[in-house]
Amino acid sequence: MNIIITISITAFIVLYAGLFKANKALLPLTVVGLLTALGFTFCAWGGNAVHFGMMQTDNFALAFSGVCIVGTLLIFLLTQNYFHAKSDNVAEYYTLILFALAGMIMMVSYKNMAMLFVGLEIMSVSLYILAGIRKTDFASNEASLKYFLMGAFSTGFLLFGITLIYGATGSFDLDKIQAYLVNNSTAVSPIFYPGVILMMIGLCFKIGAAPFHFWTPDVYEGAPSLITTFMSTVVKTAGFAAFLRLFAGALAPLHEFWVMPLIVIVCLTLFIGNVTALFQKNFKRMLAYSSISHAGYLLFSLIVLTKNSGNNVLVYAAAYTFASIIAFAVLILVKQKTGSDSFESFNGLGKKNPLVALCLTVAMLSLAGIPLTAGFIGKYLMFLNVMTEYKTLLVAFAILNALVGFYYYFRVIVAMWFKDGAETTLSTPVQYKVVLLVSVVITLVLGICPAIILNLI
């Protein structure tokens, strides 16, 4: 609870600082607030699960909260030179991102479906505004409208699913729902089953899984790059934590019922995400489809439920988050210099700025799943988890899709190191160097020594 209170208070302080035009104080205030929240996370680690009414602070919640807070902190550091000198809504950017983060902490800590909905909507409403915060940019406005309309539609599915489950069990509490399934294994109410499917649809929309992914490429491309970074990394991590807490926890007794629809979603997500990414000429849009494919890999953790499912998702989510932050950070730098986010914009980057090019290379290798990177460990754990029940065809299908991903990730590497571009320099602000180096270190350390976080949960 201290984590949410700290983040919320920081959001209000930052908003009032913006009201008094203290723009230079926004980042320091935000960093102090997030570091304080991270301190509370570490202080609560390892103790017994603490219940706060409809929320529960356990190691699962703390681990994912830590990843979300660190990811958000790195994204805030990318604000150096990002805003125009005369921009008058900088404080709004900061405040809305902080409120979205507070909603995410609720999502990873809920033990009552009402709190899941509250956290999800706090996050979503903030993101609807952030996607369209550039009011004079038509693409940003279009992204916001599409996200809002599709988000409202998916929320209807989620709420209807919650309603049906409540009608069957008489409770929103996850423990009571699980107890109902265990005690009535042969006489589960008929309305419970459609409730589970509707909730799966609603949550699949939030994480960008196919065939509920249609909003993802347009919103990611139209939203400001800083917001796209946030949506593609931290938001997705929180969404998967919420998905895992519900389906691997309360709904685990019905695993045989919902696993087949999930397998269909996994296959569609992997195929659509990877194949469509092949044909993209825009780096930002390629990352959007890439994020769809990674949603498919993350869903592997629910196909076979084991005691390590939570740890596997944590490792993969951390690997994906920090590699994507590197990719978007470099994209912001390149776009500020060239005004374009096409693949050609990266031509010759290895000569212009070897440090930035090397960092992006590590990120692309991690996203592709090359050994000695965190991305490889993440994929290995997901596939190993499924192989415990010998679902070899599914693993083979996923590996083939991963091989397809090699093409569009290595396309960026080839452009940076083996193609000639305009002979201009690409300067890197200090905060960007910090973000890139920290993310690269995390990516490599997790790839070489995954045991650091492998048994946290």
Protein backbone atom coordinates (compact mmCIF):
# COMPACT_ATOMS: atom_id res chain seq x y z
CA MET A 1 0.00 0.00 0.00
CA ASN A 2 2.90 2.35 0.73
CA ILE A 3 4.04 1.94 -2.87
CA ILE A 4 0.73 3.12 -4.32
CA ILE A 5 0.46 6.01 -1.85
CA THR A 6 4.01 7.17 -2.65
CA ILE A 7 3.44 7.08 -6.42
CA SER A 8 0.09 8.90 -6.12
CA ILE A 9 1.52 11.63 -3.86
CA THR A 10 4.42 12.06 -6.30
CA ALA A 11 1.93 12.49 -9.14
CA PHE A 12 0.11 15.29 -7.30
CA ILE A 13 3.35 17.03 -6.31
CA VAL A 14 4.56 16.93 -9.92
CA LEU A 15 1.23 18.30 -11.13
CA TYR A 16 1.41 21.25 -8.74
CA ALA A 17 5.05 21.85 -9.72
CA GLY A 18 3.87 22.12 -13.30
CA LEU A 19 1.12 24.52 -12.26
CA PHE A 20 3.80 26.89 -10.96
CA LYS A 21 5.92 26.44 -14.14
CA ALA A 22 8.72 24.65 -12.27
CA ASN A 23 9.49 22.38 -15.23
CA LYS A 24 13.11 21.83 -14.20
CA ALA A 25 11.95 20.28 -10.93
CA LEU A 26 9.64 17.73 -12.56
CA LEU A 27 12.22 15.02 -13.29
CA PRO A 28 14.07 15.25 -9.92
CA LEU A 29 10.77 15.09 -8.03
CA THR A 30 9.63 12.10 -10.09
CA VAL A 31 12.93 10.24 -9.67
CA VAL A 32 12.87 10.78 -5.88
CA GLY A 33 9.28 9.55 -5.69
CA LEU A 34 9.96 6.43 -7.75
CA LEU A 35 13.14 5.61 -5.83
CA THR A 36 11.17 5.93 -2.59
CA ALA A 37 8.50 3.57 -3.95
CA LEU A 38 11.25 1.15 -5.02
CA GLY A 39 12.69 1.37 -1.50
CA PHE A 40 9.31 0.37 -0.03
CA THR A 41 9.27 -2.55 -2.46
CA PHE A 42 12.63 -3.81 -1.23
CA CYS A 43 11.69 -3.26 2.42
CA ALA A 44 8.56 -5.40 2.06
CA TRP A 45 10.41 -8.19 0.27
CA GLY A 46 10.60 -11.66 1.79
CA GLY A 47 7.96 -11.18 4.46
CA ASN A 48 4.59 -12.87 4.76
CA ALA A 49 1.83 -11.85 2.36
CA VAL A 50 0.06 -8.77 3.71
CA HIS A 51 -3.63 -8.22 2.93
CA PHE A 52 -5.09 -4.73 2.54
CA GLY A 53 -8.76 -5.44 1.99
CA MET A 54 -9.00 -6.17 -1.74
CA MET A 55 -5.23 -6.12 -2.30
CA GLN A 56 -2.42 -8.46 -1.36
CA THR A 57 1.27 -7.61 -1.06
CA ASP A 58 3.28 -10.78 -1.63
CA ASN A 59 6.54 -11.57 -3.42
CA PHE A 60 4.68 -11.96 -6.72
CA ALA A 61 3.26 -8.44 -6.47
CA LEU A 62 6.54 -6.95 -5.23
CA ALA A 63 8.64 -8.56 -7.99
CA PHE A 64 6.41 -7.26 -10.79
CA SER A 65 6.02 -3.90 -9.05
CA GLY A 66 9.81 -3.61 -8.98
CA VAL A 67 10.10 -4.31 -12.72
CA CYS A 68 7.34 -1.78 -13.48
CA ILE A 69 8.90 0.94 -11.29
CA VAL A 70 12.43 0.46 -12.67
CA GLY A 71 11.11 0.41 -16.24
CA THR A 72 9.11 3.61 -15.65
CA LEU A 73 12.12 5.28 -14.05
CA LEU A 74 14.26 4.56 -17.12
CA ILE A 75 11.51 5.86 -19.40
CA PHE A 76 11.35 9.12 -17.43
CA LEU A 77 15.09 9.55 -17.98
CA LEU A 78 14.38 9.53 -21.72
CA THR A 79 12.58 12.87 -21.34
CA GLN A 80 15.89 14.77 -21.64
CA ASN A 81 15.60 16.95 -24.77
CA TYR A 82 12.34 15.17 -25.63
CA PHE A 83 9.94 18.05 -25.01
CA HIS A 84 10.01 21.30 -26.93
CA ALA A 85 11.11 24.37 -25.02
CA LYS A 86 7.65 25.94 -25.23
CA SER A 87 5.70 22.79 -24.42
CA ASP A 88 3.11 23.60 -21.76
CA ASN A 89 1.95 20.08 -20.90
CA VAL A 90 5.16 18.48 -19.62
CA ALA A 91 3.75 18.11 -16.09
CA GLU A 92 0.69 16.37 -17.53
CA TYR A 93 2.93 13.79 -19.21
CA TYR A 94 4.65 13.04 -15.91
CA THR A 95 1.48 13.01 -13.83
CA LEU A 96 -0.50 10.74 -16.15
CA ILE A 97 2.35 8.25 -16.43
CA LEU A 98 2.59 8.15 -12.62
CA PHE A 99 -1.15 7.61 -12.24
CA ALA A 100 -0.98 4.84 -14.86
CA LEU A 101 1.83 3.27 -12.81
CA ALA A 102 -0.30 3.44 -9.66
CA GLY A 103 -3.05 1.58 -11.54
CA MET A 104 -0.52 -1.05 -12.58
CA ILE A 105 0.58 -1.64 -8.98
CA MET A 106 -3.08 -2.31 -8.17
CA MET A 107 -3.27 -4.73 -11.11
CA VAL A 108 -0.33 -6.83 -9.91
CA SER A 109 -1.50 -6.77 -6.26
CA TYR A 110 -5.25 -7.41 -6.48
CA LYS A 111 -6.99 -10.27 -4.72
CA ASN A 112 -10.48 -9.10 -5.64
CA MET A 113 -11.79 -8.71 -9.19
CA ALA A 114 -13.30 -5.32 -8.35
CA MET A 115 -9.78 -4.04 -7.60
CA LEU A 116 -8.54 -5.56 -10.87
CA PHE A 117 -11.12 -3.47 -12.71
CA VAL A 118 -10.27 -0.31 -10.76
CA GLY A 119 -6.54 -0.67 -11.40
CA LEU A 120 -7.09 -1.52 -15.06
CA GLU A 121 -9.26 1.54 -15.64
CA ILE A 122 -6.93 3.93 -13.79
CA MET A 123 -4.17 2.72 -16.09
CA SER A 124 -6.30 2.70 -19.25
CA VAL A 125 -7.85 6.16 -18.84
CA SER A 126 -4.40 7.65 -18.30
CA LEU A 127 -3.16 5.92 -21.45
CA TYR A 128 -6.13 7.09 -23.53
CA ILE A 129 -5.14 10.67 -22.70
CA LEU A 130 -1.41 10.10 -23.14
CA ALA A 131 -1.87 8.57 -26.59
CA GLY A 132 -3.57 11.76 -27.79
CA ILE A 133 -1.72 14.31 -25.65
CA ARG A 134 -0.26 16.02 -28.72
CA LYS A 135 -3.47 17.80 -29.62
CA THR A 136 -2.15 19.32 -32.84
CA ASP A 137 -0.89 15.96 -34.16
CA PHE A 138 -3.56 14.16 -36.20
CA ALA A 139 -1.85 10.75 -35.82
CA SER A 140 -1.81 11.16 -32.04
CA ASN A 141 -5.49 12.09 -32.01
CA GLU A 142 -6.36 9.10 -34.17
CA ALA A 143 -4.36 6.77 -31.90
CA SER A 144 -6.17 8.07 -28.83
CA LEU A 145 -9.62 7.68 -30.40
CA LYS A 146 -8.93 4.13 -31.63
CA TYR A 147 -7.49 3.11 -28.28
CA PHE A 148 -10.42 4.61 -26.38
CA LEU A 149 -13.11 2.98 -28.54
CA MET A 150 -11.47 -0.44 -28.58
CA GLY A 151 -10.59 -0.15 -24.89
CA ALA A 152 -14.17 0.67 -23.91
CA PHE A 153 -15.41 -2.27 -25.97
CA SER A 154 -12.98 -4.70 -24.34
CA THR A 155 -13.86 -3.39 -20.88
CA GLY A 156 -17.44 -4.47 -21.59
CA PHE A 157 -16.24 -8.03 -22.16
CA LEU A 158 -14.21 -7.95 -18.96
CA LEU A 159 -17.05 -6.57 -16.84
CA PHE A 160 -19.57 -9.03 -18.26
CA GLY A 161 -17.16 -11.85 -17.46
CA ILE A 162 -16.71 -10.58 -13.89
CA THR A 163 -20.51 -10.35 -13.56
CA LEU A 164 -21.06 -13.95 -14.67
CA ILE A 165 -18.36 -15.26 -12.32
CA TYR A 166 -19.89 -13.27 -9.46
CA GLY A 167 -23.31 -14.67 -10.33
CA ALA A 168 -21.95 -18.20 -10.13
CA THR A 169 -19.85 -17.83 -6.98
CA GLY A 170 -21.41 -14.91 -5.11
CA SER A 171 -17.99 -13.31 -4.59
CA PHE A 172 -15.35 -11.15 -6.28
CA ASP A 173 -12.60 -12.49 -3.99
CA LEU A 174 -10.05 -14.71 -5.76
CA ASP A 175 -9.63 -17.07 -2.79
CA LYS A 176 -13.38 -17.65 -2.54
CA ILE A 177 -13.66 -18.19 -6.30
CA GLN A 178 -10.87 -20.78 -6.17
CA ALA A 179 -12.49 -22.47 -3.15
CA TYR A 180 -15.80 -22.60 -5.06
CA LEU A 181 -14.11 -24.39 -7.98
CA VAL A 182 -12.31 -26.85 -5.70
CA ASN A 183 -15.43 -27.67 -3.66
CA ASN A 184 -17.77 -27.89 -6.65
CA SER A 185 -15.49 -29.51 -9.22
CA THR A 186 -18.34 -31.62 -10.67
CA ALA A 187 -21.13 -29.04 -10.36
CA VAL A 188 -19.74 -25.70 -11.52
CA SER A 189 -22.50 -23.28 -12.55
CA PRO A 190 -23.01 -23.12 -16.36
CA ILE A 191 -22.65 -19.34 -16.34
CA PHE A 192 -19.13 -19.61 -14.89
CA TYR A 193 -17.62 -20.93 -18.13
CA PRO A 194 -18.64 -18.07 -20.44
CA GLY A 195 -17.49 -15.70 -17.70
CA VAL A 196 -13.97 -17.18 -17.88
CA ILE A 197 -13.86 -16.86 -21.69
CA LEU A 198 -15.08 -13.24 -21.59
CA MET A 199 -12.44 -12.32 -19.03
CA MET A 200 -9.79 -13.98 -21.18
CA ILE A 201 -10.92 -11.86 -24.16
CA GLY A 202 -10.87 -8.65 -22.11
CA LEU A 203 -7.37 -9.27 -20.76
CA CYS A 204 -6.04 -10.44 -24.14
CA PHE A 205 -7.04 -7.05 -25.55
CA LYS A 206 -5.08 -5.25 -22.85
CA ILE A 207 -1.91 -7.23 -23.55
CA GLY A 208 -2.28 -7.01 -27.34
CA ALA A 209 -2.76 -10.72 -28.08
CA ALA A 210 -4.29 -11.79 -31.41
CA PRO A 211 -7.00 -11.71 -32.63
CA PHE A 212 -7.64 -8.77 -30.27
CA HIS A 213 -4.55 -6.88 -31.40
CA PHE A 214 -5.97 -4.59 -34.09
CA TRP A 215 -5.47 -1.43 -32.06
CA THR A 216 -1.80 -2.11 -31.30
CA PRO A 217 0.10 -1.10 -34.48
CA ASP A 218 -1.93 2.07 -35.14
CA VAL A 219 -1.85 3.25 -31.52
CA TYR A 220 1.85 2.49 -31.09
CA GLU A 221 2.69 4.31 -34.32
CA GLY A 222 0.48 7.34 -33.69
CA ALA A 223 1.21 7.91 -30.01
CA PRO A 224 4.29 9.95 -28.98
CA SER A 225 7.34 7.67 -28.95
CA LEU A 226 7.85 8.13 -25.20
CA ILE A 227 4.29 6.93 -24.54
CA THR A 228 4.68 4.04 -26.98
CA THR A 229 7.77 2.98 -25.00
CA PHE A 230 5.72 2.99 -21.81
CA MET A 231 2.79 1.10 -23.36
CA SER A 232 4.96 -1.50 -25.03
CA THR A 233 6.99 -2.37 -21.94
CA VAL A 234 5.70 -1.53 -18.46
CA VAL A 235 2.01 -1.68 -19.36
CA LYS A 236 2.40 -5.08 -20.99
CA THR A 237 4.31 -6.42 -17.98
CA ALA A 238 1.54 -5.34 -15.60
CA GLY A 239 -1.11 -6.82 -17.88
CA PHE A 240 0.59 -10.21 -17.87
CA ALA A 241 1.01 -10.15 -14.10
CA ALA A 242 -2.74 -9.54 -13.75
CA PHE A 243 -3.48 -12.29 -16.28
CA LEU A 244 -1.21 -14.73 -14.43
CA ARG A 245 -2.60 -13.95 -10.97
CA LEU A 246 -6.14 -14.70 -12.15
CA PHE A 247 -5.67 -17.71 -14.43
CA ALA A 248 -2.74 -19.42 -12.69
CA GLY A 249 -4.34 -18.77 -9.31
CA ALA A 250 -8.10 -18.56 -8.88
CA LEU A 251 -9.00 -20.24 -12.19
CA ALA A 252 -6.30 -22.93 -12.12
CA PRO A 253 -8.81 -25.71 -11.20
CA LEU A 254 -10.50 -25.08 -14.58
CA HIS A 255 -7.24 -25.27 -16.52
CA GLU A 256 -8.44 -28.08 -18.77
CA PHE A 257 -11.39 -25.93 -19.87
CA TRP A 258 -9.62 -22.70 -20.78
CA VAL A 259 -6.28 -24.07 -22.00
CA MET A 260 -7.55 -24.98 -25.50
CA PRO A 261 -8.86 -21.46 -26.30
CA LEU A 262 -5.56 -20.15 -24.92
CA ILE A 263 -3.52 -22.40 -27.23
CA VAL A 264 -5.48 -21.07 -30.21
CA ILE A 265 -4.79 -17.50 -29.09
CA VAL A 266 -1.07 -18.29 -28.62
CA CYS A 267 -0.75 -19.74 -32.14
CA LEU A 268 -2.61 -16.84 -33.75
CA THR A 269 -0.58 -14.30 -31.79
CA LEU A 270 2.77 -15.81 -32.73
CA PHE A 271 1.88 -16.24 -36.40
CA ILE A 272 0.22 -12.86 -36.95
CA GLY A 273 2.80 -10.92 -34.95
CA ASN A 274 5.88 -12.41 -36.60
CA VAL A 275 4.63 -12.69 -40.18
CA THR A 276 3.17 -9.17 -40.25
CA ALA A 277 6.36 -7.70 -38.75
CA LEU A 278 8.27 -9.09 -41.76
CA PHE A 279 6.54 -6.68 -44.13
CA GLN A 280 6.95 -3.47 -42.13
CA LYS A 281 9.08 -0.64 -43.50
CA ASN A 282 8.70 1.43 -40.36
CA PHE A 283 10.84 0.54 -37.33
CA LYS A 284 8.26 1.75 -34.82
CA ARG A 285 5.49 -0.25 -36.46
CA MET A 286 7.76 -3.30 -36.60
CA LEU A 287 8.26 -3.02 -32.84
CA ALA A 288 4.47 -2.91 -32.45
CA TYR A 289 4.01 -6.22 -34.26
CA SER A 290 7.04 -7.58 -32.43
CA SER A 291 5.29 -6.80 -29.15
CA ILE A 292 2.30 -8.85 -30.34
CA SER A 293 4.53 -11.86 -30.99
CA HIS A 294 6.14 -11.53 -27.55
CA ALA A 295 2.66 -11.57 -26.01
CA GLY A 296 2.32 -15.03 -27.54
CA TYR A 297 5.56 -16.23 -25.95
CA LEU A 298 4.49 -14.87 -22.56
CA LEU A 299 1.17 -16.72 -22.77
CA PHE A 300 3.15 -19.97 -22.98
CA SER A 301 3.50 -19.78 -19.21
CA LEU A 302 -0.22 -20.55 -18.81
CA ILE A 303 -0.40 -23.53 -21.18
CA VAL A 304 1.23 -25.76 -18.56
CA LEU A 305 0.86 -24.47 -15.01
CA THR A 306 3.80 -25.23 -12.75
CA LYS A 307 5.26 -23.70 -9.60
CA ASN A 308 7.73 -21.85 -11.87
CA SER A 309 5.13 -20.19 -14.13
CA GLY A 310 5.36 -16.88 -12.23
CA ASN A 311 9.17 -16.87 -12.29
CA ASN A 312 9.22 -17.63 -16.02
CA VAL A 313 6.92 -14.71 -16.78
CA LEU A 314 8.99 -12.41 -14.56
CA VAL A 315 12.22 -13.30 -16.40
CA TYR A 316 10.67 -12.95 -19.86
CA ALA A 317 8.86 -9.72 -18.98
CA ALA A 318 12.06 -8.19 -17.59
CA ALA A 319 14.05 -9.29 -20.67
CA TYR A 320 11.46 -7.89 -23.06
CA THR A 321 11.00 -4.66 -21.09
CA PHE A 322 14.65 -3.61 -20.96
CA ALA A 323 15.44 -4.66 -24.55
CA SER A 324 12.43 -2.69 -25.81
CA ILE A 325 13.41 0.37 -23.77
CA ILE A 326 16.79 0.32 -25.56
CA ALA A 327 15.09 0.01 -28.96
CA PHE A 328 12.71 2.90 -28.35
CA ALA A 329 15.42 5.09 -26.81
CA VAL A 330 17.53 4.73 -29.95
CA LEU A 331 14.46 5.31 -32.09
CA ILE A 332 13.78 8.62 -30.29
CA LEU A 333 17.39 9.73 -30.88
CA VAL A 334 17.35 8.77 -34.55
CA LYS A 335 13.96 10.34 -35.18
CA GLN A 336 15.03 13.61 -33.55
CA LYS A 337 18.01 13.68 -35.92
CA THR A 338 16.44 12.46 -39.17
CA GLY A 339 12.73 13.10 -38.67
CA SER A 340 11.99 9.56 -39.83
CA ASP A 341 11.55 6.18 -38.17
CA SER A 342 12.02 4.01 -41.26
CA PHE A 343 14.67 1.30 -41.35
CA GLU A 344 16.78 3.48 -43.67
CA SER A 345 17.15 6.01 -40.86
CA PHE A 346 19.45 3.53 -39.08
CA ASN A 347 21.84 3.17 -42.03
CA GLY A 348 25.44 3.73 -40.95
CA LEU A 349 24.56 4.24 -37.27
CA GLY A 350 27.54 2.07 -36.32
CA LYS A 351 29.89 4.73 -37.74
CA LYS A 352 27.95 7.75 -36.47
CA ASN A 353 27.62 6.52 -32.89
CA PRO A 354 29.14 3.09 -32.12
CA LEU A 355 27.91 3.08 -28.50
CA VAL A 356 24.26 3.58 -29.47
CA ALA A 357 24.54 1.06 -32.32
CA LEU A 358 26.11 -1.53 -30.00
CA CYS A 359 23.34 -1.07 -27.43
CA LEU A 360 20.64 -1.46 -30.10
CA THR A 361 22.42 -4.56 -31.41
CA VAL A 362 22.27 -6.16 -27.95
CA ALA A 363 18.56 -5.27 -27.74
CA MET A 364 17.78 -6.81 -31.14
CA LEU A 365 19.74 -9.96 -30.27
CA SER A 366 17.82 -10.26 -27.00
CA LEU A 367 14.44 -9.78 -28.68
CA ALA A 368 15.44 -12.40 -31.26
CA GLY A 369 16.43 -14.82 -28.50
CA ILE A 370 20.16 -15.19 -29.16
CA PRO A 371 22.19 -16.97 -26.39
CA LEU A 372 23.92 -14.93 -23.67
CA THR A 373 21.04 -12.44 -23.66
CA ALA A 374 18.02 -12.29 -21.36
CA GLY A 375 15.68 -12.88 -24.30
CA PHE A 376 17.20 -16.31 -24.93
CA ILE A 377 16.75 -17.34 -21.29
CA GLY A 378 13.15 -16.10 -21.38
CA LYS A 379 12.26 -18.14 -24.46
CA TYR A 380 14.14 -21.18 -23.16
CA LEU A 381 12.18 -21.14 -19.89
CA MET A 382 8.85 -20.77 -21.71
CA PHE A 383 9.57 -23.65 -24.08
CA LEU A 384 10.96 -25.84 -21.30
CA ASN A 385 7.80 -25.22 -19.27
CA VAL A 386 5.58 -26.48 -22.10
CA MET A 387 7.87 -29.43 -22.85
CA THR A 388 7.17 -30.84 -19.37
CA GLU A 389 3.95 -32.22 -20.87
CA TYR A 390 5.55 -33.01 -24.23
CA LYS A 391 3.61 -30.48 -26.32
CA THR A 392 6.33 -30.77 -28.93
CA LEU A 393 4.25 -29.59 -31.89
CA LEU A 394 3.41 -26.35 -30.12
CA VAL A 395 7.06 -25.77 -29.20
CA ALA A 396 8.14 -26.52 -32.79
CA PHE A 397 5.59 -24.00 -34.08
CA ALA A 398 6.88 -21.37 -31.65
CA ILE A 399 10.51 -22.03 -32.62
CA LEU A 400 9.68 -21.64 -36.32
CA ASN A 401 8.04 -18.29 -35.54
CA ALA A 402 11.10 -17.27 -33.55
CA LEU A 403 13.26 -18.02 -36.61
CA VAL A 404 11.01 -15.74 -38.66
CA GLY A 405 11.69 -13.02 -36.11
CA PHE A 406 15.42 -13.27 -36.80
CA TYR A 407 14.89 -11.62 -40.19
CA TYR A 408 13.32 -8.36 -39.07
CA TYR A 409 15.55 -8.01 -36.00
CA PHE A 410 18.75 -8.63 -37.98
CA ARG A 411 17.50 -6.23 -40.64
CA VAL A 412 18.15 -3.41 -38.17
CA ILE A 413 21.60 -4.75 -37.30
CA VAL A 414 22.54 -5.00 -40.99
CA ALA A 415 21.36 -1.42 -41.60
CA MET A 416 23.48 -0.08 -38.71
CA TRP A 417 26.73 -1.89 -39.42
CA PHE A 418 26.77 -2.80 -43.11
CA LYS A 419 24.99 0.04 -44.90
CA ASP A 420 26.13 3.60 -45.55
CA GLY A 421 24.06 6.50 -44.34
CA ALA A 422 24.30 10.29 -44.36
CA GLU A 423 27.59 11.48 -42.87
CA THR A 424 26.19 13.24 -39.84
CA THR A 425 26.91 12.81 -36.15
CA LEU A 426 24.36 11.51 -33.66
CA SER A 427 24.84 13.01 -30.21
CA THR A 428 23.66 11.12 -27.15
CA PRO A 429 22.47 13.04 -24.06
CA VAL A 430 23.84 11.89 -20.70
CA GLN A 431 20.52 10.49 -19.45
CA TYR A 432 20.13 8.43 -22.62
CA LYS A 433 23.59 6.95 -22.07
CA VAL A 434 22.56 5.99 -18.53
CA VAL A 435 19.35 4.32 -19.76
CA LEU A 436 21.11 2.46 -22.57
CA LEU A 437 24.00 1.21 -20.43
CA VAL A 438 21.79 0.17 -17.48
CA SER A 439 19.41 -1.68 -19.80
CA VAL A 440 22.26 -3.40 -21.64
CA VAL A 441 23.86 -4.50 -18.37
CA ILE A 442 20.54 -5.92 -17.12
CA THR A 443 19.97 -7.70 -20.46
CA LEU A 444 23.41 -9.33 -20.43
CA VAL A 445 23.48 -10.14 -16.71
CA LEU A 446 20.07 -11.85 -16.90
CA GLY A 447 21.27 -13.73 -19.97
CA ILE A 448 24.41 -15.00 -18.25
CA CYS A 449 23.18 -15.33 -14.64
CA PRO A 450 19.37 -15.73 -14.77
CA ALA A 451 19.38 -17.19 -11.25
CA ILE A 452 19.46 -13.61 -9.96
CA ILE A 453 15.70 -13.28 -10.45
CA LEU A 454 14.76 -16.81 -11.45
CA ASN A 455 13.62 -17.86 -7.97
CA LEU A 456 12.30 -14.56 -6.65
CA ILE A 457 8.64 -15.56 -6.58
